[in-house]
Each structure stands twice: as structure tokens, then as C-alpha cells.
């Protein structure tokens, strides 16, 4: 294989992995933020109740 083909293959693999893992990472981040908000809400409810 030529070096150019190796570079193209490597870039393709990186792009593919980013496309595969980016949505999961974003969803996990959003989920963690939602969980943090819920935890605060639960504490307020238990203290108020």
C-alpha cells in the first residue's frame, strides 16, 4: 500500500468512529445533565414535603 492510501484509510476510520460515537457521547452528556437536575429537584421535594 502507498502512504497516501494509508493516510486516506486512517482519516476515514477516524471520521467513521467520530460519526459513530459522537451521538452517544452527546446523549450521555444530556442524560447526565438531566439526572443532575432531577437530583436537585428530588432534594427540594423531600425537604419541602
Protein backbone atom coordinates (compact mmCIF):
# COMPACT_ATOMS: atom_id res chain seq x y z
CA UNK A 1 0.00 0.00 0.00
CA UNK A 2 1.13 3.51 -0.73
CA UNK A 3 1.44 6.03 2.08
CA UNK A 4 -1.37 8.13 0.57
CA UNK A 5 -3.75 5.17 0.74
CA UNK A 6 -2.78 4.55 4.36
CA UNK A 7 -3.44 8.20 5.24
CA UNK A 8 -6.83 8.17 3.50
CA UNK A 9 -7.74 4.93 5.28
CA UNK A 10 -6.72 6.36 8.67
CA UNK A 11 -8.70 9.57 8.12
CA UNK A 12 -11.71 7.52 7.02
CA UNK A 13 -11.53 5.37 10.16
CA UNK A 14 -11.31 8.46 12.38
CA UNK A 15 -14.31 10.07 10.67
CA UNK A 16 -16.28 6.83 10.93
CA UNK A 17 -15.55 6.44 14.64
CA UNK A 18 -16.46 10.09 15.30
CA UNK A 19 -19.76 9.66 13.45
CA UNK A 20 -20.48 6.51 15.46
CA UNK A 21 -19.54 7.77 18.91
CA UNK A 22 -20.48 11.48 18.78
CA UNK A 23 -24.28 10.96 19.16
CA UNK A 24 -23.76 8.51 22.04
CA UNK A 25 -21.45 10.94 23.82
CA UNK A 26 -23.88 13.83 23.33
CA UNK A 27 -26.81 11.74 24.59
CA UNK A 28 -24.82 10.62 27.63
CA UNK A 29 -23.90 14.24 28.39
CA UNK A 30 -27.52 15.36 28.04
CA UNK A 31 -28.67 12.45 30.21
CA UNK A 32 -26.13 13.30 32.93
CA UNK A 33 -27.30 16.93 32.95
CA UNK A 34 -30.94 15.79 33.24
CA UNK A 35 -30.04 13.43 36.10
CA UNK A 36 -28.29 16.25 37.96
CA UNK A 37 -31.40 18.43 37.63
CA UNK A 38 -33.63 15.58 38.82
CA UNK A 39 -31.41 15.00 41.86
CA UNK A 40 -31.71 18.65 42.85
CA UNK A 41 -35.48 18.51 42.30
CA UNK A 42 -35.81 15.40 44.46
CA UNK A 43 -33.89 17.04 47.30
CA UNK A 44 -36.17 20.08 47.14
CA UNK A 45 -39.28 17.87 47.16
CA UNK A 46 -38.09 15.81 50.15
CA UNK A 47 -37.13 18.90 52.14
CA UNK A 48 -40.39 20.69 51.25
CA UNK A 49 -42.56 17.64 51.93
